[in-house]
Amino acid sequence: MRLSDSKISHISNLLTDGLNKDKFLSSSKVDEARKEIKSAFIEFLKVDDEIDLVVRKKIASLANAPPEGSQEWSVLYKKYFREQEVRRGR
């Protein structure tokens, strides 16, 4: 699932605010932490997008590729997606 930049920023703000409130993060490091959290989210989602492309190509290359949206397609997608995650150490 792709998240918009504003949603990623919102989640980053919630996390840093919570860490700061609970004294796990000093006030002087909030902006730095927010940037790092946002960067981590973007990198994580980028890998998901790459995996999505690989999986879609793999399903499309099957001799009897099921139509996208069908139950069979969904099962294959989840299976191949998980295989790619494991292959990438996730």
PDB file of N, CA and C in Angstrom:
ATOM      1  N   MET A   1       0.845  -1.177   0.000  1.00  0.00           N
ATOM      2  CA  MET A   1       0.000   0.000   0.000  1.00  0.00           C
ATOM      3  C   MET A   1       0.884   1.230   0.000  1.00  0.00           C
ATOM      4  N   ARG A   2       0.622   2.118  -0.889  1.00  0.00           N
ATOM      5  CA  ARG A   2       1.413   3.331  -1.000  1.00  0.00           C
ATOM      6  C   ARG A   2       0.821   4.406  -0.091  1.00  0.00           C
ATOM      7  N   LEU A   3       1.683   5.050   0.678  1.00  0.00           N
ATOM      8  CA  LEU A   3       1.251   6.134   1.556  1.00  0.00           C
ATOM      9  C   LEU A   3       1.698   7.459   0.958  1.00  0.00           C
ATOM     10  N   SER A   4       0.863   8.466   1.102  1.00  0.00           N
ATOM     11  CA  SER A   4       1.227   9.789   0.609  1.00  0.00           C
ATOM     12  C   SER A   4       2.283  10.404   1.539  1.00  0.00           C
ATOM     13  N   ASP A   5       2.959  11.416   1.025  1.00  0.00           N
ATOM     14  CA  ASP A   5       3.975  12.101   1.812  1.00  0.00           C
ATOM     15  C   ASP A   5       3.372  12.704   3.085  1.00  0.00           C
ATOM     16  N   SER A   6       2.162  13.218   2.973  1.00  0.00           N
ATOM     17  CA  SER A   6       1.536  13.815   4.158  1.00  0.00           C
ATOM     18  C   SER A   6       1.198  12.762   5.215  1.00  0.00           C
ATOM     19  N   LYS A   7       0.817  11.565   4.780  1.00  0.00           N
ATOM     20  CA  LYS A   7       0.527  10.490   5.740  1.00  0.00           C
ATOM     21  C   LYS A   7       1.809  10.016   6.423  1.00  0.00           C
ATOM     22  N   ILE A   8       2.878   9.905   5.639  1.00  0.00           N
ATOM     23  CA  ILE A   8       4.166   9.511   6.214  1.00  0.00           C
ATOM     24  C   ILE A   8       4.625  10.562   7.220  1.00  0.00           C
ATOM     25  N   SER A   9       4.473  11.823   6.871  1.00  0.00           N
ATOM     26  CA  SER A   9       4.843  12.909   7.794  1.00  0.00           C
ATOM     27  C   SER A   9       4.009  12.855   9.062  1.00  0.00           C
ATOM     28  N   HIS A  10       2.720  12.597   8.901  1.00  0.00           N
ATOM     29  CA  HIS A  10       1.828  12.531  10.061  1.00  0.00           C
ATOM     30  C   HIS A  10       2.245  11.392  11.010  1.00  0.00           C
ATOM     31  N   ILE A  11       2.526  10.232  10.451  1.00  0.00           N
ATOM     32  CA  ILE A  11       2.959   9.093  11.271  1.00  0.00           C
ATOM     33  C   ILE A  11       4.285   9.412  11.957  1.00  0.00           C
ATOM     34  N   SER A  12       5.200  10.032  11.229  1.00  0.00           N
ATOM     35  CA  SER A  12       6.492  10.420  11.804  1.00  0.00           C
ATOM     36  C   SER A  12       6.301  11.394  12.962  1.00  0.00           C
ATOM     37  N   ASN A  13       5.385  12.339  12.784  1.00  0.00           N
ATOM     38  CA  ASN A  13       5.103  13.298  13.855  1.00  0.00           C
ATOM     39  C   ASN A  13       4.512  12.608  15.080  1.00  0.00           C
ATOM     40  N   LEU A  14       3.585  11.696  14.855  1.00  0.00           N
ATOM     41  CA  LEU A  14       2.982  10.971  15.981  1.00  0.00           C
ATOM     42  C   LEU A  14       4.033  10.178  16.757  1.00  0.00           C
ATOM     43  N   LEU A  15       4.914   9.498  16.030  1.00  0.00           N
ATOM     44  CA  LEU A  15       5.956   8.709  16.689  1.00  0.00           C
ATOM     45  C   LEU A  15       6.922   9.588  17.476  1.00  0.00           C
ATOM     46  N   THR A  16       7.397  10.653  16.862  1.00  0.00           N
ATOM     47  CA  THR A  16       8.360  11.508  17.573  1.00  0.00           C
ATOM     48  C   THR A  16       7.698  12.229  18.743  1.00  0.00           C
ATOM     49  N   ASP A  17       6.458  12.643  18.584  1.00  0.00           N
ATOM     50  CA  ASP A  17       5.753  13.283  19.698  1.00  0.00           C
ATOM     51  C   ASP A  17       5.606  12.314  20.872  1.00  0.00           C
ATOM     52  N   GLY A  18       5.251  11.067  20.558  1.00  0.00           N
ATOM     53  CA  GLY A  18       5.114  10.059  21.607  1.00  0.00           C
ATOM     54  C   GLY A  18       6.432   9.752  22.285  1.00  0.00           C
ATOM     55  N   LEU A  19       7.498   9.623  21.498  1.00  0.00           N
ATOM     56  CA  LEU A  19       8.821   9.361  22.072  1.00  0.00           C
ATOM     57  C   LEU A  19       9.286  10.527  22.941  1.00  0.00           C
ATOM     58  N   ASN A  20       9.016  11.724  22.495  1.00  0.00           N
ATOM     59  CA  ASN A  20       9.400  12.915  23.264  1.00  0.00           C
ATOM     60  C   ASN A  20       8.575  13.020  24.552  1.00  0.00           C
ATOM     61  N   LYS A  21       7.281  12.772  24.447  1.00  0.00           N
ATOM     62  CA  LYS A  21       6.391  12.846  25.609  1.00  0.00           C
ATOM     63  C   LYS A  21       6.796  11.842  26.682  1.00  0.00           C
ATOM     64  N   ASP A  22       7.178  10.630  26.242  1.00  0.00           N
ATOM     65  CA  ASP A  22       7.552   9.572  27.182  1.00  0.00           C
ATOM     66  C   ASP A  22       9.024   9.639  27.591  1.00  0.00           C
ATOM     67  N   LYS A  23       9.684  10.704  27.212  1.00  0.00           N
ATOM     68  CA  LYS A  23      11.082  10.971  27.592  1.00  0.00           C
ATOM     69  C   LYS A  23      12.086   9.960  27.009  1.00  0.00           C
ATOM     70  N   PHE A  24      11.722   9.362  25.855  1.00  0.00           N
ATOM     71  CA  PHE A  24      12.659   8.483  25.169  1.00  0.00           C
ATOM     72  C   PHE A  24      13.509   9.258  24.171  1.00  0.00           C
ATOM     73  N   LEU A  25      13.154  10.513  23.989  1.00  0.00           N
ATOM     74  CA  LEU A  25      13.800  11.351  23.002  1.00  0.00           C
ATOM     75  C   LEU A  25      13.899  12.756  23.559  1.00  0.00           C
ATOM     76  N   SER A  26      15.079  13.332  23.494  1.00  0.00           N
ATOM     77  CA  SER A  26      15.223  14.692  24.003  1.00  0.00           C
ATOM     78  C   SER A  26      14.617  15.674  22.998  1.00  0.00           C
ATOM     79  N   SER A  27      14.147  16.788  23.500  1.00  0.00           N
ATOM     80  CA  SER A  27      13.507  17.793  22.656  1.00  0.00           C
ATOM     81  C   SER A  27      14.423  18.301  21.558  1.00  0.00           C
ATOM     82  N   SER A  28      15.708  18.319  21.820  1.00  0.00           N
ATOM     83  CA  SER A  28      16.660  18.825  20.828  1.00  0.00           C
ATOM     84  C   SER A  28      16.845  17.857  19.655  1.00  0.00           C
ATOM     85  N   LYS A  29      16.429  16.614  19.816  1.00  0.00           N
ATOM     86  CA  LYS A  29      16.616  15.599  18.773  1.00  0.00           C
ATOM     87  C   LYS A  29      15.326  15.264  18.020  1.00  0.00           C
ATOM     88  N   VAL A  30      14.232  15.957  18.316  1.00  0.00           N
ATOM     89  CA  VAL A  30      12.940  15.638  17.713  1.00  0.00           C
ATOM     90  C   VAL A  30      12.981  15.782  16.195  1.00  0.00           C
ATOM     91  N   ASP A  31      13.492  16.894  15.699  1.00  0.00           N
ATOM     92  CA  ASP A  31      13.522  17.107  14.244  1.00  0.00           C
ATOM     93  C   ASP A  31      14.392  16.074  13.536  1.00  0.00           C
ATOM     94  N   GLU A  32      15.522  15.767  14.114  1.00  0.00           N
ATOM     95  CA  GLU A  32      16.420  14.766  13.538  1.00  0.00           C
ATOM     96  C   GLU A  32      15.745  13.388  13.521  1.00  0.00           C
ATOM     97  N   ALA A  33      15.088  13.044  14.618  1.00  0.00           N
ATOM     98  CA  ALA A  33      14.400  11.750  14.703  1.00  0.00           C
ATOM     99  C   ALA A  33      13.252  11.685  13.700  1.00  0.00           C
ATOM    100  N   ARG A  34      12.523  12.772  13.554  1.00  0.00           N
ATOM    101  CA  ARG A  34      11.402  12.830  12.610  1.00  0.00           C
ATOM    102  C   ARG A  34      11.898  12.567  11.189  1.00  0.00           C
ATOM    103  N   LYS A  35      13.003  13.168  10.830  1.00  0.00           N
ATOM    104  CA  LYS A  35      13.578  12.969   9.493  1.00  0.00           C
ATOM    105  C   LYS A  35      14.014  11.527   9.288  1.00  0.00           C
ATOM    106  N   GLU A  36      14.623  10.929  10.309  1.00  0.00           N
ATOM    107  CA  GLU A  36      15.077   9.540  10.211  1.00  0.00           C
ATOM    108  C   GLU A  36      13.897   8.572  10.099  1.00  0.00           C
ATOM    109  N   ILE A  37      12.851   8.812  10.871  1.00  0.00           N
ATOM    110  CA  ILE A  37      11.664   7.957  10.820  1.00  0.00           C
ATOM    111  C   ILE A  37      11.016   8.056   9.446  1.00  0.00           C
ATOM    112  N   LYS A  38      10.886   9.265   8.939  1.00  0.00           N
ATOM    113  CA  LYS A  38      10.284   9.469   7.621  1.00  0.00           C
ATOM    114  C   LYS A  38      11.124   8.776   6.543  1.00  0.00           C
ATOM    115  N   SER A  39      12.416   8.904   6.636  1.00  0.00           N
ATOM    116  CA  SER A  39      13.321   8.270   5.678  1.00  0.00           C
ATOM    117  C   SER A  39      13.181   6.747   5.725  1.00  0.00           C
ATOM    118  N   ALA A  40      13.065   6.191   6.911  1.00  0.00           N
ATOM    119  CA  ALA A  40      12.909   4.743   7.060  1.00  0.00           C
ATOM    120  C   ALA A  40      11.600   4.264   6.439  1.00  0.00           C
ATOM    121  N   PHE A  41      10.521   5.011   6.648  1.00  0.00           N
ATOM    122  CA  PHE A  41       9.242   4.657   6.044  1.00  0.00           C
ATOM    123  C   PHE A  41       9.338   4.664   4.525  1.00  0.00           C
ATOM    124  N   ILE A  42       9.935   5.686   3.981  1.00  0.00           N
ATOM    125  CA  ILE A  42      10.055   5.812   2.527  1.00  0.00           C
ATOM    126  C   ILE A  42      10.870   4.649   1.957  1.00  0.00           C
ATOM    127  N   GLU A  43      11.964   4.323   2.613  1.00  0.00           N
ATOM    128  CA  GLU A  43      12.803   3.210   2.151  1.00  0.00           C
ATOM    129  C   GLU A  43      12.041   1.888   2.229  1.00  0.00           C
ATOM    130  N   PHE A  44      11.317   1.680   3.305  1.00  0.00           N
ATOM    131  CA  PHE A  44      10.536   0.459   3.472  1.00  0.00           C
ATOM    132  C   PHE A  44       9.490   0.341   2.368  1.00  0.00           C
ATOM    133  N   LEU A  45       8.793   1.422   2.085  1.00  0.00           N
ATOM    134  CA  LEU A  45       7.749   1.412   1.060  1.00  0.00           C
ATOM    135  C   LEU A  45       8.340   1.255  -0.336  1.00  0.00           C
ATOM    136  N   LYS A  46       9.539   1.772  -0.536  1.00  0.00           N
ATOM    137  CA  LYS A  46      10.208   1.630  -1.828  1.00  0.00           C
ATOM    138  C   LYS A  46      10.482   0.149  -2.112  1.00  0.00           C
ATOM    139  N   VAL A  47      10.925  -0.571  -1.105  1.00  0.00           N
ATOM    140  CA  VAL A  47      11.179  -2.006  -1.261  1.00  0.00           C
ATOM    141  C   VAL A  47       9.864  -2.735  -1.549  1.00  0.00           C
ATOM    142  N   ASP A  48       8.802  -2.360  -0.873  1.00  0.00           N
ATOM    143  CA  ASP A  48       7.490  -2.971  -1.133  1.00  0.00           C
ATOM    144  C   ASP A  48       7.070  -2.754  -2.590  1.00  0.00           C
ATOM    145  N   ASP A  49       7.310  -1.563  -3.111  1.00  0.00           N
ATOM    146  CA  ASP A  49       6.973  -1.277  -4.508  1.00  0.00           C
ATOM    147  C   ASP A  49       7.791  -2.135  -5.462  1.00  0.00           C
ATOM    148  N   GLU A  50       9.070  -2.319  -5.148  1.00  0.00           N
ATOM    149  CA  GLU A  50       9.932  -3.166  -5.983  1.00  0.00           C
ATOM    150  C   GLU A  50       9.441  -4.610  -5.964  1.00  0.00           C
ATOM    151  N   ILE A  51       9.100  -5.098  -4.780  1.00  0.00           N
ATOM    152  CA  ILE A  51       8.593  -6.468  -4.656  1.00  0.00           C
ATOM    153  C   ILE A  51       7.284  -6.610  -5.434  1.00  0.00           C
ATOM    154  N   ASP A  52       6.418  -5.618  -5.339  1.00  0.00           N
ATOM    155  CA  ASP A  52       5.143  -5.643  -6.047  1.00  0.00           C
ATOM    156  C   ASP A  52       5.360  -5.830  -7.549  1.00  0.00           C
ATOM    157  N   LEU A  53       6.303  -5.092  -8.115  1.00  0.00           N
ATOM    158  CA  LEU A  53       6.581  -5.219  -9.550  1.00  0.00           C
ATOM    159  C   LEU A  53       7.072  -6.616  -9.913  1.00  0.00           C
ATOM    160  N   VAL A  54       7.991  -7.153  -9.110  1.00  0.00           N
ATOM    161  CA  VAL A  54       8.523  -8.497  -9.356  1.00  0.00           C
ATOM    162  C   VAL A  54       7.398  -9.530  -9.317  1.00  0.00           C
ATOM    163  N   VAL A  55       6.551  -9.437  -8.318  1.00  0.00           N
ATOM    164  CA  VAL A  55       5.466 -10.408  -8.139  1.00  0.00           C
ATOM    165  C   VAL A  55       4.467 -10.321  -9.286  1.00  0.00           C
ATOM    166  N   ARG A  56       4.099  -9.117  -9.680  1.00  0.00           N
ATOM    167  CA  ARG A  56       3.146  -8.958 -10.784  1.00  0.00           C
ATOM    168  C   ARG A  56       3.703  -9.532 -12.089  1.00  0.00           C
ATOM    169  N   LYS A  57       4.995  -9.304 -12.334  1.00  0.00           N
ATOM    170  CA  LYS A  57       5.623  -9.861 -13.537  1.00  0.00           C
ATOM    171  C   LYS A  57       5.645 -11.385 -13.479  1.00  0.00           C
ATOM    172  N   LYS A  58       5.925 -11.919 -12.303  1.00  0.00           N
ATOM    173  CA  LYS A  58       5.984 -13.371 -12.137  1.00  0.00           C
ATOM    174  C   LYS A  58       4.614 -13.997 -12.412  1.00  0.00           C
ATOM    175  N   ILE A  59       3.566 -13.398 -11.879  1.00  0.00           N
ATOM    176  CA  ILE A  59       2.217 -13.927 -12.099  1.00  0.00           C
ATOM    177  C   ILE A  59       1.841 -13.800 -13.575  1.00  0.00           C
ATOM    178  N   ALA A  60       2.151 -12.661 -14.172  1.00  0.00           N
ATOM    179  CA  ALA A  60       1.811 -12.446 -15.583  1.00  0.00           C
ATOM    180  C   ALA A  60       2.542 -13.416 -16.508  1.00  0.00           C
ATOM    181  N   SER A  61       3.710 -13.897 -16.086  1.00  0.00           N
ATOM    182  CA  SER A  61       4.493 -14.801 -16.929  1.00  0.00           C
ATOM    183  C   SER A  61       4.012 -16.250 -16.871  1.00  0.00           C
ATOM    184  N   LEU A  62       3.103 -16.542 -15.983  1.00  0.00           N
ATOM    185  CA  LEU A  62       2.583 -17.913 -15.877  1.00  0.00           C
ATOM    186  C   LEU A  62       1.805 -18.281 -17.138  1.00  0.00           C
ATOM    187  N   ALA A  63       1.888 -19.541 -17.534  1.00  0.00           N
ATOM    188  CA  ALA A  63       1.201 -20.004 -18.741  1.00  0.00           C
ATOM    189  C   ALA A  63      -0.308 -19.756 -18.652  1.00  0.00           C
ATOM    190  N   ASN A  64      -0.882 -20.079 -17.535  1.00  0.00           N
ATOM    191  CA  ASN A  64      -2.318 -19.855 -17.317  1.00  0.00           C
ATOM    192  C   ASN A  64      -2.503 -18.832 -16.209  1.00  0.00           C
ATOM    193  N   ALA A  65      -2.026 -17.630 -16.466  1.00  0.00           N
ATOM    194  CA  ALA A  65      -2.088 -16.581 -15.446  1.00  0.00           C
ATOM    195  C   ALA A  65      -3.541 -16.249 -15.121  1.00  0.00           C
ATOM    196  N   PRO A  66      -3.878 -16.293 -13.831  1.00  0.00           N
ATOM    197  CA  PRO A  66      -5.250 -15.946 -13.441  1.00  0.00           C
ATOM    198  C   PRO A  66      -5.462 -14.440 -13.605  1.00  0.00           C
ATOM    199  N   PRO A  67      -6.686 -14.019 -13.808  1.00  0.00           N
ATOM    200  CA  PRO A  67      -6.948 -12.582 -13.938  1.00  0.00           C
ATOM    201  C   PRO A  67      -6.752 -11.869 -12.600  1.00  0.00           C
ATOM    202  N   GLU A  68      -6.190 -10.667 -12.688  1.00  0.00           N
ATOM    203  CA  GLU A  68      -5.979  -9.884 -11.468  1.00  0.00           C
ATOM    204  C   GLU A  68      -7.314  -9.629 -10.794  1.00  0.00           C
ATOM    205  N   GLY A  69      -7.310  -9.781  -9.475  1.00  0.00           N
ATOM    206  CA  GLY A  69      -8.529  -9.593  -8.702  1.00  0.00           C
ATOM    207  C   GLY A  69      -9.227 -10.896  -8.352  1.00  0.00           C
ATOM    208  N   SER A  70      -8.859 -11.967  -9.068  1.00  0.00           N
ATOM    209  CA  SER A  70      -9.473 -13.262  -8.757  1.00  0.00           C
ATOM    210  C   SER A  70      -8.867 -13.810  -7.466  1.00  0.00           C
ATOM    211  N   GLN A  71      -9.542 -14.762  -6.881  1.00  0.00           N
ATOM    212  CA  GLN A  71      -9.048 -15.360  -5.642  1.00  0.00           C
ATOM    213  C   GLN A  71      -7.709 -16.055  -5.884  1.00  0.00           C
ATOM    214  N   GLU A  72      -7.587 -16.752  -7.016  1.00  0.00           N
ATOM    215  CA  GLU A  72      -6.343 -17.442  -7.335  1.00  0.00           C
ATOM    216  C   GLU A  72      -5.188 -16.437  -7.472  1.00  0.00           C
ATOM    217  N   TRP A  73      -5.465 -15.310  -8.130  1.00  0.00           N
ATOM    218  CA  TRP A  73      -4.442 -14.282  -8.296  1.00  0.00           C
ATOM    219  C   TRP A  73      -4.010 -13.763  -6.922  1.00  0.00           C
ATOM    220  N   SER A  74      -4.957 -13.513  -6.045  1.00  0.00           N
ATOM    221  CA  SER A  74      -4.652 -12.995  -4.707  1.00  0.00           C
ATOM    222  C   SER A  74      -3.800 -13.973  -3.905  1.00  0.00           C
ATOM    223  N   VAL A  75      -4.126 -15.259  -4.004  1.00  0.00           N
ATOM    224  CA  VAL A  75      -3.358 -16.283  -3.286  1.00  0.00           C
ATOM    225  C   VAL A  75      -1.928 -16.313  -3.810  1.00  0.00           C
ATOM    226  N   LEU A  76      -1.773 -16.313  -5.135  1.00  0.00           N
ATOM    227  CA  LEU A  76      -0.437 -16.318  -5.728  1.00  0.00           C
ATOM    228  C   LEU A  76       0.335 -15.053  -5.357  1.00  0.00           C
ATOM    229  N   TYR A  77      -0.348 -13.922  -5.399  1.00  0.00           N
ATOM    230  CA  TYR A  77       0.301 -12.649  -5.078  1.00  0.00           C
ATOM    231  C   TYR A  77       0.857 -12.688  -3.660  1.00  0.00           C
ATOM    232  N   LYS A  78       0.049 -13.092  -2.707  1.00  0.00           N
ATOM    233  CA  LYS A  78       0.494 -13.149  -1.308  1.00  0.00           C
ATOM    234  C   LYS A  78       1.654 -14.129  -1.136  1.00  0.00           C
ATOM    235  N   LYS A  79       1.549 -15.277  -1.795  1.00  0.00           N
ATOM    236  CA  LYS A  79       2.599 -16.285  -1.697  1.00  0.00           C
ATOM    237  C   LYS A  79       3.917 -15.758  -2.264  1.00  0.00           C
ATOM    238  N   TYR A  80       3.870 -15.230  -3.481  1.00  0.00           N
ATOM    239  CA  TYR A  80       5.087 -14.732  -4.124  1.00  0.00           C
ATOM    240  C   TYR A  80       5.640 -13.497  -3.415  1.00  0.00           C
ATOM    241  N   PHE A  81       4.748 -12.660  -2.900  1.00  0.00           N
ATOM    242  CA  PHE A  81       5.197 -11.466  -2.168  1.00  0.00           C
ATOM    243  C   PHE A  81       5.982 -11.884  -0.930  1.00  0.00           C
ATOM    244  N   ARG A  82       5.440 -12.844  -0.211  1.00  0.00           N
ATOM    245  CA  ARG A  82       6.118 -13.326   1.003  1.00  0.00           C
ATOM    246  C   ARG A  82       7.464 -13.958   0.653  1.00  0.00           C
ATOM    247  N   GLU A  83       7.512 -14.719  -0.444  1.00  0.00           N
ATOM    248  CA  GLU A  83       8.781 -15.306  -0.874  1.00  0.00           C
ATOM    249  C   GLU A  83       9.822 -14.226  -1.139  1.00  0.00           C
ATOM    250  N   GLN A  84       9.397 -13.160  -1.789  1.00  0.00           N
ATOM    251  CA  GLN A  84      10.329 -12.058  -2.078  1.00  0.00           C
ATOM    252  C   GLN A  84      10.765 -11.339  -0.795  1.00  0.00           C
ATOM    253  N   GLU A  85       9.851 -11.196   0.143  1.00  0.00           N
ATOM    254  CA  GLU A  85      10.218 -10.578   1.429  1.00  0.00           C
ATOM    255  C   GLU A  85      11.279 -11.409   2.139  1.00  0.00           C
ATOM    256  N   VAL A  86      11.074 -12.717   2.177  1.00  0.00           N
ATOM    257  CA  VAL A  86      12.038 -13.610   2.828  1.00  0.00           C
ATOM    258  C   VAL A  86      13.371 -13.545   2.103  1.00  0.00           C
ATOM    259  N   ARG A  87      13.321 -13.559   0.785  1.00  0.00           N
ATOM    260  CA  ARG A  87      14.539 -13.488  -0.016  1.00  0.00           C
ATOM    261  C   ARG A  87      15.331 -12.206   0.278  1.00  0.00           C
ATOM    262  N   ARG A  88      14.612 -11.137   0.605  1.00  0.00           N
ATOM    263  CA  ARG A  88      15.264  -9.858   0.895  1.00  0.00           C
ATOM    264  C   ARG A  88      15.519  -9.647   2.391  1.00  0.00           C
ATOM    265  N   GLY A  89      15.256 -10.674   3.182  1.00  0.00           N
ATOM    266  CA  GLY A  89      15.556 -10.592   4.608  1.00  0.00           C
ATOM    267  C   GLY A  89      14.574  -9.794   5.429  1.00  0.00           C
ATOM    268  N   ARG A  90      13.316  -9.807   5.015  1.00  0.00           N
ATOM    269  CA  ARG A  90      12.295  -9.051   5.749  1.00  0.00           C
ATOM    270  C   ARG A  90      11.363  -9.960   6.477  1.00  0.00           C
TER     271      ARG A  90
END
